[in-house]
PDB file of N, CA and C in Angstrom:
ATOM      1  N   UNK A   1     105.587  57.807  93.495  1.00  0.00           N
ATOM      2  CA  UNK A   1     105.100  59.023  92.856  1.00  0.00           C
ATOM      3  C   UNK A   1     104.925  60.137  93.891  1.00  0.00           C
ATOM      4  N   UNK A   2     104.419  59.785  95.083  1.00  0.00           N
ATOM      5  CA  UNK A   2     104.190  60.794  96.109  1.00  0.00           C
ATOM      6  C   UNK A   2     105.496  61.331  96.674  1.00  0.00           C
ATOM      7  N   UNK A   3     106.576  60.632  96.464  1.00  0.00           N
ATOM      8  CA  UNK A   3     107.846  61.014  97.071  1.00  0.00           C
ATOM      9  C   UNK A   3     108.702  61.913  96.174  1.00  0.00           C
ATOM     10  N   UNK A   4     108.212  62.281  94.997  1.00  0.00           N
ATOM     11  CA  UNK A   4     109.024  63.085  94.069  1.00  0.00           C
ATOM     12  C   UNK A   4     109.373  64.454  94.620  1.00  0.00           C
ATOM     13  N   UNK A   5     108.390  65.156  95.144  1.00  0.00           N
ATOM     14  CA  UNK A   5     108.682  66.446  95.765  1.00  0.00           C
ATOM     15  C   UNK A   5     108.205  66.349  97.196  1.00  0.00           C
ATOM     16  N   UNK A   6     109.139  66.459  98.138  1.00  0.00           N
ATOM     17  CA  UNK A   6     108.765  66.269  99.521  1.00  0.00           C
ATOM     18  C   UNK A   6     109.438  67.269 100.434  1.00  0.00           C
ATOM     19  N   UNK A   7     108.734  67.579 101.497  1.00  0.00           N
ATOM     20  CA  UNK A   7     109.282  68.453 102.527  1.00  0.00           C
ATOM     21  C   UNK A   7     110.157  67.598 103.444  1.00  0.00           C
ATOM     22  N   UNK A   8     110.918  68.216 104.319  1.00  0.00           N
ATOM     23  CA  UNK A   8     111.684  67.429 105.296  1.00  0.00           C
ATOM     24  C   UNK A   8     110.774  66.537 106.154  1.00  0.00           C
ATOM     25  N   UNK A   9     109.573  67.040 106.493  1.00  0.00           N
ATOM     26  CA  UNK A   9     108.628  66.229 107.272  1.00  0.00           C
ATOM     27  C   UNK A   9     108.166  65.018 106.468  1.00  0.00           C
ATOM     28  N   UNK A  10     107.961  65.203 105.149  1.00  0.00           N
ATOM     29  CA  UNK A  10     107.580  64.080 104.288  1.00  0.00           C
ATOM     30  C   UNK A  10     108.675  63.019 104.273  1.00  0.00           C
ATOM     31  N   UNK A  11     109.919  63.457 104.211  1.00  0.00           N
ATOM     32  CA  UNK A  11     111.045  62.521 104.205  1.00  0.00           C
ATOM     33  C   UNK A  11     111.109  61.742 105.523  1.00  0.00           C
ATOM     34  N   UNK A  12     110.847  62.438 106.641  1.00  0.00           N
ATOM     35  CA  UNK A  12     110.838  61.753 107.943  1.00  0.00           C
ATOM     36  C   UNK A  12     109.708  60.734 108.011  1.00  0.00           C
ATOM     37  N   UNK A  13     108.545  61.104 107.483  1.00  0.00           N
ATOM     38  CA  UNK A  13     107.407  60.183 107.490  1.00  0.00           C
ATOM     39  C   UNK A  13     107.710  58.967 106.625  1.00  0.00           C
ATOM     40  N   UNK A  14     108.286  59.203 105.473  1.00  0.00           N
ATOM     41  CA  UNK A  14     108.645  58.097 104.568  1.00  0.00           C
ATOM     42  C   UNK A  14     109.613  57.142 105.260  1.00  0.00           C
ATOM     43  N   UNK A  15     110.627  57.691 105.908  1.00  0.00           N
ATOM     44  CA  UNK A  15     111.617  56.860 106.605  1.00  0.00           C
ATOM     45  C   UNK A  15     110.965  56.093 107.755  1.00  0.00           C
ATOM     46  N   UNK A  16     110.096  56.768 108.514  1.00  0.00           N
ATOM     47  CA  UNK A  16     109.442  56.113 109.647  1.00  0.00           C
ATOM     48  C   UNK A  16     108.535  54.979 109.171  1.00  0.00           C
ATOM     49  N   UNK A  17     107.781  55.212 108.106  1.00  0.00           N
ATOM     50  CA  UNK A  17     106.903  54.173 107.574  1.00  0.00           C
ATOM     51  C   UNK A  17     107.699  52.995 107.029  1.00  0.00           C
ATOM     52  N   UNK A  18     108.786  53.290 106.361  1.00  0.00           N
ATOM     53  CA  UNK A  18     109.659  52.229 105.838  1.00  0.00           C
ATOM     54  C   UNK A  18     110.237  51.409 106.989  1.00  0.00           C
ATOM     55  N   UNK A  19     110.722  52.082 108.020  1.00  0.00           N
ATOM     56  CA  UNK A  19     111.274  51.370 109.179  1.00  0.00           C
ATOM     57  C   UNK A  19     110.189  50.582 109.921  1.00  0.00           C
ATOM     58  N   UNK A  20     108.992  51.159 110.007  1.00  0.00           N
ATOM     59  CA  UNK A  20     107.886  50.487 110.667  1.00  0.00           C
ATOM     60  C   UNK A  20     107.543  49.193 109.929  1.00  0.00           C
ATOM     61  N   UNK A  21     107.602  49.264 108.620  1.00  0.00           N
ATOM     62  CA  UNK A  21     107.297  48.092 107.789  1.00  0.00           C
ATOM     63  C   UNK A  21     108.176  46.906 108.151  1.00  0.00           C
ATOM     64  N   UNK A  22     109.410  47.178 108.507  1.00  0.00           N
ATOM     65  CA  UNK A  22     110.366  46.113 108.832  1.00  0.00           C
ATOM     66  C   UNK A  22     110.571  45.937 110.333  1.00  0.00           C
ATOM     67  N   UNK A  23     109.747  46.607 111.142  1.00  0.00           N
ATOM     68  CA  UNK A  23     109.863  46.487 112.593  1.00  0.00           C
ATOM     69  C   UNK A  23     111.173  47.020 113.116  1.00  0.00           C
ATOM     70  N   UNK A  24     111.672  48.081 112.492  1.00  0.00           N
ATOM     71  CA  UNK A  24     112.979  48.612 112.861  1.00  0.00           C
ATOM     72  C   UNK A  24     112.940  50.118 113.088  1.00  0.00           C
ATOM     73  N   UNK A  25     111.903  50.609 113.775  1.00  0.00           N
ATOM     74  CA  UNK A  25     111.792  52.044 114.028  1.00  0.00           C
ATOM     75  C   UNK A  25     112.937  52.519 114.922  1.00  0.00           C
ATOM     76  N   UNK A  26     113.428  53.689 114.604  1.00  0.00           N
ATOM     77  CA  UNK A  26     114.499  54.303 115.386  1.00  0.00           C
ATOM     78  C   UNK A  26     113.880  55.245 116.410  1.00  0.00           C
ATOM     79  N   UNK A  27     114.702  55.747 117.310  1.00  0.00           N
ATOM     80  CA  UNK A  27     114.244  56.730 118.295  1.00  0.00           C
ATOM     81  C   UNK A  27     113.739  57.976 117.582  1.00  0.00           C
ATOM     82  N   UNK A  28     114.428  58.361 116.495  1.00  0.00           N
ATOM     83  CA  UNK A  28     113.984  59.537 115.720  1.00  0.00           C
ATOM     84  C   UNK A  28     112.619  59.292 115.085  1.00  0.00           C
ATOM     85  N   UNK A  29     112.395  58.069 114.577  1.00  0.00           N
ATOM     86  CA  UNK A  29     111.097  57.738 113.982  1.00  0.00           C
ATOM     87  C   UNK A  29     109.984  57.891 115.013  1.00  0.00           C
ATOM     88  N   UNK A  30     110.198  57.334 116.204  1.00  0.00           N
ATOM     89  CA  UNK A  30     109.191  57.400 117.262  1.00  0.00           C
ATOM     90  C   UNK A  30     108.930  58.851 117.652  1.00  0.00           C
ATOM     91  N   UNK A  31     109.996  59.626 117.807  1.00  0.00           N
ATOM     92  CA  UNK A  31     109.837  61.042 118.176  1.00  0.00           C
ATOM     93  C   UNK A  31     109.045  61.789 117.116  1.00  0.00           C
ATOM     94  N   UNK A  32     109.354  61.539 115.854  1.00  0.00           N
ATOM     95  CA  UNK A  32     108.628  62.212 114.780  1.00  0.00           C
ATOM     96  C   UNK A  32     107.159  61.791 114.763  1.00  0.00           C
ATOM     97  N   UNK A  33     106.901  60.482 114.860  1.00  0.00           N
ATOM     98  CA  UNK A  33     105.521  60.003 114.833  1.00  0.00           C
ATOM     99  C   UNK A  33     104.705  60.556 115.997  1.00  0.00           C
ATOM    100  N   UNK A  34     105.337  60.744 117.137  1.00  0.00           N
ATOM    101  CA  UNK A  34     104.642  61.320 118.295  1.00  0.00           C
ATOM    102  C   UNK A  34     104.187  62.754 118.024  1.00  0.00           C
ATOM    103  N   UNK A  35     104.883  63.461 117.132  1.00  0.00           N
ATOM    104  CA  UNK A  35     104.462  64.832 116.791  1.00  0.00           C
ATOM    105  C   UNK A  35     103.218  64.822 115.911  1.00  0.00           C
ATOM    106  N   UNK A  36     102.858  63.675 115.380  1.00  0.00           N
ATOM    107  CA  UNK A  36     101.710  63.568 114.479  1.00  0.00           C
ATOM    108  C   UNK A  36     100.461  63.047 115.187  1.00  0.00           C
ATOM    109  N   UNK A  37     100.518  62.853 116.498  1.00  0.00           N
ATOM    110  CA  UNK A  37      99.366  62.374 117.257  1.00  0.00           C
ATOM    111  C   UNK A  37      98.410  63.541 117.480  1.00  0.00           C
ATOM    112  N   UNK A  38      97.184  63.364 117.032  1.00  0.00           N
ATOM    113  CA  UNK A  38      96.183  64.423 117.184  1.00  0.00           C
ATOM    114  C   UNK A  38      95.786  64.549 118.649  1.00  0.00           C
ATOM    115  N   UNK A  39      95.458  65.775 119.038  1.00  0.00           N
ATOM    116  CA  UNK A  39      95.054  65.994 120.423  1.00  0.00           C
ATOM    117  C   UNK A  39      94.562  67.403 120.655  1.00  0.00           C
ATOM    118  N   UNK A  40      94.422  67.737 121.919  1.00  0.00           N
ATOM    119  CA  UNK A  40      93.861  69.042 122.301  1.00  0.00           C
ATOM    120  C   UNK A  40      94.918  70.084 122.621  1.00  0.00           C
ATOM    121  N   UNK A  41      96.158  69.673 122.781  1.00  0.00           N
ATOM    122  CA  UNK A  41      97.205  70.639 123.119  1.00  0.00           C
ATOM    123  C   UNK A  41      97.524  71.513 121.905  1.00  0.00           C
ATOM    124  N   UNK A  42      97.959  72.736 122.144  1.00  0.00           N
ATOM    125  CA  UNK A  42      98.201  73.676 121.047  1.00  0.00           C
ATOM    126  C   UNK A  42      99.192  73.174 119.987  1.00  0.00           C
ATOM    127  N   UNK A  43     100.168  72.358 120.392  1.00  0.00           N
ATOM    128  CA  UNK A  43     101.179  71.906 119.422  1.00  0.00           C
ATOM    129  C   UNK A  43     100.795  70.599 118.734  1.00  0.00           C
ATOM    130  N   UNK A  44      99.590  70.081 118.993  1.00  0.00           N
ATOM    131  CA  UNK A  44      99.162  68.831 118.372  1.00  0.00           C
ATOM    132  C   UNK A  44      98.229  69.098 117.195  1.00  0.00           C
ATOM    133  N   UNK A  45      98.301  68.238 116.158  1.00  0.00           N
ATOM    134  CA  UNK A  45      97.362  68.381 115.036  1.00  0.00           C
ATOM    135  C   UNK A  45      95.924  68.193 115.524  1.00  0.00           C
ATOM    136  N   UNK A  46      94.986  68.874 114.883  1.00  0.00           N
ATOM    137  CA  UNK A  46      93.565  68.780 115.236  1.00  0.00           C
ATOM    138  C   UNK A  46      92.835  68.008 114.133  1.00  0.00           C
ATOM    139  N   UNK A  47      92.065  66.983 114.519  1.00  0.00           N
ATOM    140  CA  UNK A  47      91.341  66.190 113.533  1.00  0.00           C
ATOM    141  C   UNK A  47      90.298  67.004 112.792  1.00  0.00           C
ATOM    142  N   UNK A  48      89.850  68.094 113.377  1.00  0.00           N
ATOM    143  CA  UNK A  48      88.848  68.944 112.728  1.00  0.00           C
ATOM    144  C   UNK A  48      89.461  69.827 111.641  1.00  0.00           C
ATOM    145  N   UNK A  49      90.790  69.877 111.553  1.00  0.00           N
ATOM    146  CA  UNK A  49      91.455  70.721 110.551  1.00  0.00           C
ATOM    147  C   UNK A  49      91.124  70.225 109.137  1.00  0.00           C
ATOM    148  N   UNK A  50      91.043  71.149 108.216  1.00  0.00           N
ATOM    149  CA  UNK A  50      90.681  70.846 106.830  1.00  0.00           C
ATOM    150  C   UNK A  50      91.604  69.782 106.217  1.00  0.00           C
ATOM    151  N   UNK A  51      92.900  69.805 106.558  1.00  0.00           N
ATOM    152  CA  UNK A  51      93.840  68.849 105.952  1.00  0.00           C
ATOM    153  C   UNK A  51      93.560  67.410 106.376  1.00  0.00           C
ATOM    154  N   UNK A  52      92.816  67.195 107.467  1.00  0.00           N
ATOM    155  CA  UNK A  52      92.499  65.846 107.926  1.00  0.00           C
ATOM    156  C   UNK A  52      91.100  65.403 107.514  1.00  0.00           C
ATOM    157  N   UNK A  53      90.489  66.127 106.606  1.00  0.00           N
ATOM    158  CA  UNK A  53      89.117  65.805 106.239  1.00  0.00           C
ATOM    159  C   UNK A  53      89.008  64.482 105.494  1.00  0.00           C
ATOM    160  N   UNK A  54      89.951  64.138 104.638  1.00  0.00           N
ATOM    161  CA  UNK A  54      89.817  62.947 103.813  1.00  0.00           C
ATOM    162  C   UNK A  54      90.905  61.883 103.943  1.00  0.00           C
ATOM    163  N   UNK A  55      92.063  62.145 104.510  1.00  0.00           N
ATOM    164  CA  UNK A  55      93.086  61.100 104.515  1.00  0.00           C
ATOM    165  C   UNK A  55      92.779  59.973 105.500  1.00  0.00           C
ATOM    166  N   UNK A  56      93.456  58.849 105.293  1.00  0.00           N
ATOM    167  CA  UNK A  56      93.329  57.723 106.216  1.00  0.00           C
ATOM    168  C   UNK A  56      93.956  58.102 107.547  1.00  0.00           C
ATOM    169  N   UNK A  57      93.340  57.650 108.617  1.00  0.00           N
ATOM    170  CA  UNK A  57      93.832  57.938 109.955  1.00  0.00           C
ATOM    171  C   UNK A  57      93.960  56.614 110.693  1.00  0.00           C
ATOM    172  N   UNK A  58      95.110  56.375 111.295  1.00  0.00           N
ATOM    173  CA  UNK A  58      95.346  55.151 112.049  1.00  0.00           C
ATOM    174  C   UNK A  58      94.871  55.370 113.479  1.00  0.00           C
ATOM    175  N   UNK A  59      94.022  54.468 113.967  1.00  0.00           N
ATOM    176  CA  UNK A  59      93.532  54.563 115.340  1.00  0.00           C
ATOM    177  C   UNK A  59      93.842  53.269 116.077  1.00  0.00           C
ATOM    178  N   UNK A  60      93.901  53.367 117.389  1.00  0.00           N
ATOM    179  CA  UNK A  60      94.178  52.185 118.203  1.00  0.00           C
ATOM    180  C   UNK A  60      92.911  51.378 118.459  1.00  0.00           C
ATOM    181  N   UNK A  61      91.768  52.044 118.498  1.00  0.00           N
ATOM    182  CA  UNK A  61      90.528  51.373 118.858  1.00  0.00           C
ATOM    183  C   UNK A  61      89.449  51.584 117.801  1.00  0.00           C
ATOM    184  N   UNK A  62      88.580  50.588 117.639  1.00  0.00           N
ATOM    185  CA  UNK A  62      87.464  50.733 116.703  1.00  0.00           C
ATOM    186  C   UNK A  62      86.544  51.874 117.107  1.00  0.00           C
ATOM    187  N   UNK A  63      86.386  52.111 118.406  1.00  0.00           N
ATOM    188  CA  UNK A  63      85.523  53.204 118.864  1.00  0.00           C
ATOM    189  C   UNK A  63      86.033  54.543 118.334  1.00  0.00           C
ATOM    190  N   UNK A  64      87.360  54.701 118.293  1.00  0.00           N
ATOM    191  CA  UNK A  64      87.939  55.933 117.752  1.00  0.00           C
ATOM    192  C   UNK A  64      87.650  56.040 116.257  1.00  0.00           C
ATOM    193  N   UNK A  65      87.804  54.937 115.548  1.00  0.00           N
ATOM    194  CA  UNK A  65      87.531  54.921 114.112  1.00  0.00           C
ATOM    195  C   UNK A  65      86.071  55.272 113.844  1.00  0.00           C
ATOM    196  N   UNK A  66      85.154  54.698 114.649  1.00  0.00           N
ATOM    197  CA  UNK A  66      83.731  54.970 114.460  1.00  0.00           C
ATOM    198  C   UNK A  66      83.415  56.440 114.703  1.00  0.00           C
ATOM    199  N   UNK A  67      84.038  57.046 115.718  1.00  0.00           N
ATOM    200  CA  UNK A  67      83.802  58.462 116.014  1.00  0.00           C
ATOM    201  C   UNK A  67      84.307  59.335 114.861  1.00  0.00           C
ATOM    202  N   UNK A  68      85.482  59.014 114.331  1.00  0.00           N
ATOM    203  CA  UNK A  68      86.030  59.770 113.198  1.00  0.00           C
ATOM    204  C   UNK A  68      85.094  59.642 111.993  1.00  0.00           C
ATOM    205  N   UNK A  69      84.596  58.436 111.731  1.00  0.00           N
ATOM    206  CA  UNK A  69      83.668  58.239 110.617  1.00  0.00           C
ATOM    207  C   UNK A  69      82.362  59.010 110.834  1.00  0.00           C
ATOM    208  N   UNK A  70      81.897  59.042 112.081  1.00  0.00           N
ATOM    209  CA  UNK A  70      80.674  59.793 112.398  1.00  0.00           C
ATOM    210  C   UNK A  70      80.880  61.279 112.120  1.00  0.00           C
ATOM    211  N   UNK A  71      81.999  61.819 112.577  1.00  0.00           N
ATOM    212  CA  UNK A  71      82.288  63.240 112.347  1.00  0.00           C
ATOM    213  C   UNK A  71      82.431  63.528 110.860  1.00  0.00           C
ATOM    214  N   UNK A  72      83.086  62.624 110.140  1.00  0.00           N
ATOM    215  CA  UNK A  72      83.240  62.792 108.690  1.00  0.00           C
ATOM    216  C   UNK A  72      81.902  62.766 107.979  1.00  0.00           C
ATOM    217  N   UNK A  73      81.004  61.888 108.420  1.00  0.00           N
ATOM    218  CA  UNK A  73      79.672  61.814 107.819  1.00  0.00           C
ATOM    219  C   UNK A  73      78.903  63.106 108.046  1.00  0.00           C
ATOM    220  N   UNK A  74      79.000  63.637 109.263  1.00  0.00           N
ATOM    221  CA  UNK A  74      78.315  64.903 109.562  1.00  0.00           C
ATOM    222  C   UNK A  74      78.846  66.035 108.681  1.00  0.00           C
ATOM    223  N   UNK A  75      80.175  66.116 108.565  1.00  0.00           N
ATOM    224  CA  UNK A  75      80.776  67.166 107.727  1.00  0.00           C
ATOM    225  C   UNK A  75      80.322  67.028 106.280  1.00  0.00           C
ATOM    226  N   UNK A  76      80.332  65.802 105.768  1.00  0.00           N
ATOM    227  CA  UNK A  76      79.912  65.567 104.386  1.00  0.00           C
ATOM    228  C   UNK A  76      78.464  65.990 104.182  1.00  0.00           C
ATOM    229  N   UNK A  77      77.605  65.650 105.133  1.00  0.00           N
ATOM    230  CA  UNK A  77      76.187  66.012 105.020  1.00  0.00           C
ATOM    231  C   UNK A  77      76.016  67.524 104.977  1.00  0.00           C
ATOM    232  N   UNK A  78      76.756  68.233 105.830  1.00  0.00           N
ATOM    233  CA  UNK A  78      76.665  69.691 105.855  1.00  0.00           C
ATOM    234  C   UNK A  78      77.175  70.278 104.534  1.00  0.00           C
ATOM    235  N   UNK A  79      78.326  69.786 104.078  1.00  0.00           N
ATOM    236  CA  UNK A  79      78.924  70.317 102.844  1.00  0.00           C
ATOM    237  C   UNK A  79      78.058  70.061 101.621  1.00  0.00           C
ATOM    238  N   UNK A  80      77.312  68.961 101.607  1.00  0.00           N
ATOM    239  CA  UNK A  80      76.492  68.617 100.448  1.00  0.00           C
ATOM    240  C   UNK A  80      75.012  68.916 100.665  1.00  0.00           C
ATOM    241  N   UNK A  81      74.728  69.647 101.759  1.00  0.00           N
ATOM    242  CA  UNK A  81      73.359  70.060 102.076  1.00  0.00           C
ATOM    243  C   UNK A  81      72.396  68.866 102.115  1.00  0.00           C
ATOM    244  N   UNK A  82      72.826  67.809 102.817  1.00  0.00           N
ATOM    245  CA  UNK A  82      71.994  66.621 102.962  1.00  0.00           C
ATOM    246  C   UNK A  82      71.688  66.373 104.435  1.00  0.00           C
ATOM    247  N   UNK A  83      70.676  65.576 104.672  1.00  0.00           N
ATOM    248  CA  UNK A  83      70.304  65.198 106.032  1.00  0.00           C
ATOM    249  C   UNK A  83      70.744  63.760 106.269  1.00  0.00           C
ATOM    250  N   UNK A  84      71.403  63.538 107.399  1.00  0.00           N
ATOM    251  CA  UNK A  84      71.798  62.179 107.748  1.00  0.00           C
ATOM    252  C   UNK A  84      70.598  61.417 108.292  1.00  0.00           C
ATOM    253  N   UNK A  85      70.475  60.169 107.904  1.00  0.00           N
ATOM    254  CA  UNK A  85      69.443  59.297 108.432  1.00  0.00           C
ATOM    255  C   UNK A  85      70.136  58.132 109.110  1.00  0.00           C
ATOM    256  N   UNK A  86      69.850  57.927 110.377  1.00  0.00           N
ATOM    257  CA  UNK A  86      70.458  56.831 111.128  1.00  0.00           C
ATOM    258  C   UNK A  86      69.507  55.642 111.111  1.00  0.00           C
ATOM    259  N   UNK A  87      70.004  54.519 110.636  1.00  0.00           N
ATOM    260  CA  UNK A  87      69.214  53.297 110.597  1.00  0.00           C
ATOM    261  C   UNK A  87      69.984  52.245 111.380  1.00  0.00           C
ATOM    262  N   UNK A  88      69.556  52.003 112.617  1.00  0.00           N
ATOM    263  CA  UNK A  88      70.286  51.020 113.431  1.00  0.00           C
ATOM    264  C   UNK A  88      70.029  49.604 112.937  1.00  0.00           C
ATOM    265  N   UNK A  89      71.005  48.752 113.077  1.00  0.00           N
ATOM    266  CA  UNK A  89      70.826  47.348 112.723  1.00  0.00           C
ATOM    267  C   UNK A  89      70.852  46.519 113.994  1.00  0.00           C
ATOM    268  N   UNK A  90      70.098  45.456 113.970  1.00  0.00           N
ATOM    269  CA  UNK A  90      70.075  44.533 115.095  1.00  0.00           C
ATOM    270  C   UNK A  90      70.508  43.189 114.558  1.00  0.00           C
ATOM    271  N   UNK A  91      71.624  42.717 115.025  1.00  0.00           N
ATOM    272  CA  UNK A  91      72.170  41.456 114.545  1.00  0.00           C
ATOM    273  C   UNK A  91      71.868  40.341 115.531  1.00  0.00           C
ATOM    274  N   UNK A  92      71.550  39.189 114.995  1.00  0.00           N
ATOM    275  CA  UNK A  92      71.286  38.017 115.808  1.00  0.00           C
ATOM    276  C   UNK A  92      72.144  36.866 115.300  1.00  0.00           C
ATOM    277  N   UNK A  93      72.533  36.021 116.217  1.00  0.00           N
ATOM    278  CA  UNK A  93      73.254  34.818 115.868  1.00  0.00           C
ATOM    279  C   UNK A  93      72.285  33.667 116.025  1.00  0.00           C
ATOM    280  N   UNK A  94      72.192  32.811 115.040  1.00  0.00           N
ATOM    281  CA  UNK A  94      71.338  31.635 115.157  1.00  0.00           C
ATOM    282  C   UNK A  94      69.893  31.954 114.887  1.00  0.00           C
ATOM    283  N   UNK A  95      69.004  31.206 115.526  1.00  0.00           N
ATOM    284  CA  UNK A  95      67.571  31.348 115.323  1.00  0.00           C
ATOM    285  C   UNK A  95      67.037  32.548 116.087  1.00  0.00           C
ATOM    286  N   UNK A  96      65.925  33.080 115.642  1.00  0.00           N
ATOM    287  CA  UNK A  96      65.286  34.199 116.312  1.00  0.00           C
ATOM    288  C   UNK A  96      64.951  33.814 117.744  1.00  0.00           C
ATOM    289  N   UNK A  97      65.304  34.681 118.726  1.00  0.00           N
ATOM    290  CA  UNK A  97      65.008  34.325 120.113  1.00  0.00           C
ATOM    291  C   UNK A  97      63.508  34.336 120.420  1.00  0.00           C
ATOM    292  N   UNK A  98      62.709  35.021 119.607  1.00  0.00           N
ATOM    293  CA  UNK A  98      61.268  35.111 119.845  1.00  0.00           C
ATOM    294  C   UNK A  98      60.549  34.230 118.826  1.00  0.00           C
ATOM    295  N   UNK A  99      60.349  32.965 119.185  1.00  0.00           N
ATOM    296  CA  UNK A  99      59.713  32.037 118.251  1.00  0.00           C
ATOM    297  C   UNK A  99      58.220  32.287 118.118  1.00  0.00           C
ATOM    298  N   UNK A 100      57.648  33.112 118.994  1.00  0.00           N
ATOM    299  CA  UNK A 100      56.222  33.409 118.916  1.00  0.00           C
ATOM    300  C   UNK A 100      55.936  34.612 118.022  1.00  0.00           C
ATOM    301  N   UNK A 101      56.952  35.081 117.324  1.00  0.00           N
ATOM    302  CA  UNK A 101      56.788  36.226 116.436  1.00  0.00           C
ATOM    303  C   UNK A 101      55.659  35.951 115.442  1.00  0.00           C
ATOM    304  N   UNK A 102      54.620  36.792 115.453  1.00  0.00           N
ATOM    305  CA  UNK A 102      53.417  36.554 114.653  1.00  0.00           C
ATOM    306  C   UNK A 102      53.690  36.455 113.156  1.00  0.00           C
ATOM    307  N   UNK A 103      54.586  37.285 112.657  1.00  0.00           N
ATOM    308  CA  UNK A 103      54.793  37.280 111.206  1.00  0.00           C
ATOM    309  C   UNK A 103      55.501  36.014 110.728  1.00  0.00           C
ATOM    310  N   UNK A 104      56.129  35.273 111.645  1.00  0.00           N
ATOM    311  CA  UNK A 104      56.804  34.035 111.265  1.00  0.00           C
ATOM    312  C   UNK A 104      56.012  32.798 111.683  1.00  0.00           C
ATOM    313  N   UNK A 105      54.991  32.988 112.480  1.00  0.00           N
ATOM    314  CA  UNK A 105      54.244  31.858 113.035  1.00  0.00           C
ATOM    315  C   UNK A 105      53.563  31.069 111.918  1.00  0.00           C
ATOM    316  N   UNK A 106      53.793  29.774 111.924  1.00  0.00           N
ATOM    317  CA  UNK A 106      53.141  28.912 110.942  1.00  0.00           C
ATOM    318  C   UNK A 106      53.772  28.948 109.571  1.00  0.00           C
ATOM    319  N   UNK A 107      54.813  29.757 109.377  1.00  0.00           N
ATOM    320  CA  UNK A 107      55.474  29.836 108.070  1.00  0.00           C
ATOM    321  C   UNK A 107      56.890  29.325 108.196  1.00  0.00           C
ATOM    322  N   UNK A 108      57.316  28.640 107.180  1.00  0.00           N
ATOM    323  CA  UNK A 108      58.714  28.226 107.150  1.00  0.00           C
ATOM    324  C   UNK A 108      59.526  29.346 106.520  1.00  0.00           C
ATOM    325  N   UNK A 109      60.673  29.596 107.086  1.00  0.00           N
ATOM    326  CA  UNK A 109      61.540  30.619 106.522  1.00  0.00           C
ATOM    327  C   UNK A 109      62.134  30.106 105.220  1.00  0.00           C
ATOM    328  N   UNK A 110      62.261  30.990 104.235  1.00  0.00           N
ATOM    329  CA  UNK A 110      62.907  30.566 102.991  1.00  0.00           C
ATOM    330  C   UNK A 110      64.416  30.462 103.168  1.00  0.00           C
ATOM    331  N   UNK A 111      64.922  30.993 104.285  1.00  0.00           N
ATOM    332  CA  UNK A 111      66.350  30.904 104.585  1.00  0.00           C
ATOM    333  C   UNK A 111      66.554  29.920 105.737  1.00  0.00           C
ATOM    334  N   UNK A 112      67.116  28.782 105.464  1.00  0.00           N
ATOM    335  CA  UNK A 112      67.321  27.826 106.552  1.00  0.00           C
ATOM    336  C   UNK A 112      68.334  28.361 107.563  1.00  0.00           C
ATOM    337  N   UNK A 113      68.138  27.980 108.830  1.00  0.00           N
ATOM    338  CA  UNK A 113      69.064  28.399 109.875  1.00  0.00           C
ATOM    339  C   UNK A 113      70.417  27.743 109.642  1.00  0.00           C
ATOM    340  N   UNK A 114      71.467  28.514 109.798  1.00  0.00           N
ATOM    341  CA  UNK A 114      72.823  27.984 109.629  1.00  0.00           C
ATOM    342  C   UNK A 114      73.370  27.465 110.946  1.00  0.00           C
ATOM    343  N   UNK A 115      72.670  27.727 112.040  1.00  0.00           N
ATOM    344  CA  UNK A 115      73.163  27.375 113.362  1.00  0.00           C
ATOM    345  C   UNK A 115      72.104  26.574 114.098  1.00  0.00           C
ATOM    346  N   UNK A 116      72.524  25.606 114.846  1.00  0.00           N
ATOM    347  CA  UNK A 116      71.586  24.802 115.613  1.00  0.00           C
ATOM    348  C   UNK A 116      71.349  25.375 117.008  1.00  0.00           C
ATOM    349  N   UNK A 117      72.094  26.417 117.359  1.00  0.00           N
ATOM    350  CA  UNK A 117      72.002  26.985 118.698  1.00  0.00           C
ATOM    351  C   UNK A 117      72.232  28.484 118.632  1.00  0.00           C
ATOM    352  N   UNK A 118      71.715  29.198 119.637  1.00  0.00           N
ATOM    353  CA  UNK A 118      71.990  30.630 119.741  1.00  0.00           C
ATOM    354  C   UNK A 118      73.237  30.916 120.554  1.00  0.00           C
ATOM    355  N   UNK A 119      73.845  29.879 121.104  1.00  0.00           N
ATOM    356  CA  UNK A 119      75.039  30.043 121.944  1.00  0.00           C
ATOM    357  C   UNK A 119      76.295  30.020 121.079  1.00  0.00           C
ATOM    358  N   UNK A 120      77.236  30.887 121.418  1.00  0.00           N
ATOM    359  CA  UNK A 120      78.522  30.901 120.730  1.00  0.00           C
ATOM    360  C   UNK A 120      79.499  30.105 121.573  1.00  0.00           C
ATOM    361  N   UNK A 121      80.148  29.176 120.945  1.00  0.00           N
ATOM    362  CA  UNK A 121      81.106  28.317 121.643  1.00  0.00           C
ATOM    363  C   UNK A 121      82.211  29.144 122.281  1.00  0.00           C
ATOM    364  N   UNK A 122      82.624  28.805 123.525  1.00  0.00           N
ATOM    365  CA  UNK A 122      83.747  29.518 124.153  1.00  0.00           C
ATOM    366  C   UNK A 122      85.020  29.418 123.308  1.00  0.00           C
ATOM    367  N   UNK A 123      85.145  28.346 122.539  1.00  0.00           N
ATOM    368  CA  UNK A 123      86.301  28.186 121.669  1.00  0.00           C
ATOM    369  C   UNK A 123      86.380  29.307 120.642  1.00  0.00           C
ATOM    370  N   UNK A 124      85.202  29.729 120.117  1.00  0.00           N
ATOM    371  CA  UNK A 124      85.171  30.813 119.131  1.00  0.00           C
ATOM    372  C   UNK A 124      85.528  32.129 119.771  1.00  0.00           C
TER     373      UNK A 124
END
């Protein structure tokens, strides 16, 4: 459906994605895809541009994805006149490392521990 009316750039993207799907990218595909890499140079697309506000973006690293999501959240909050609230999570593996925790002292947890150790096997 998206391919019914397309620009020459759309046709190149379609061909590159199709070739990528089969692991058969051509030199032209690579050259075209390189023009779509966001950056700071004048001829590179800018992630802050309005056209990049909502589409999916492929990143090499999770840190890049997290930064893009953070920027998107800030933009959304501004556009909808809302305040962002950051609530950090602290994840633990196994049993609580502080067994002297007063709120748990003398009480059995209603959730049994799934792990017998706090150590993660090197195999994992």
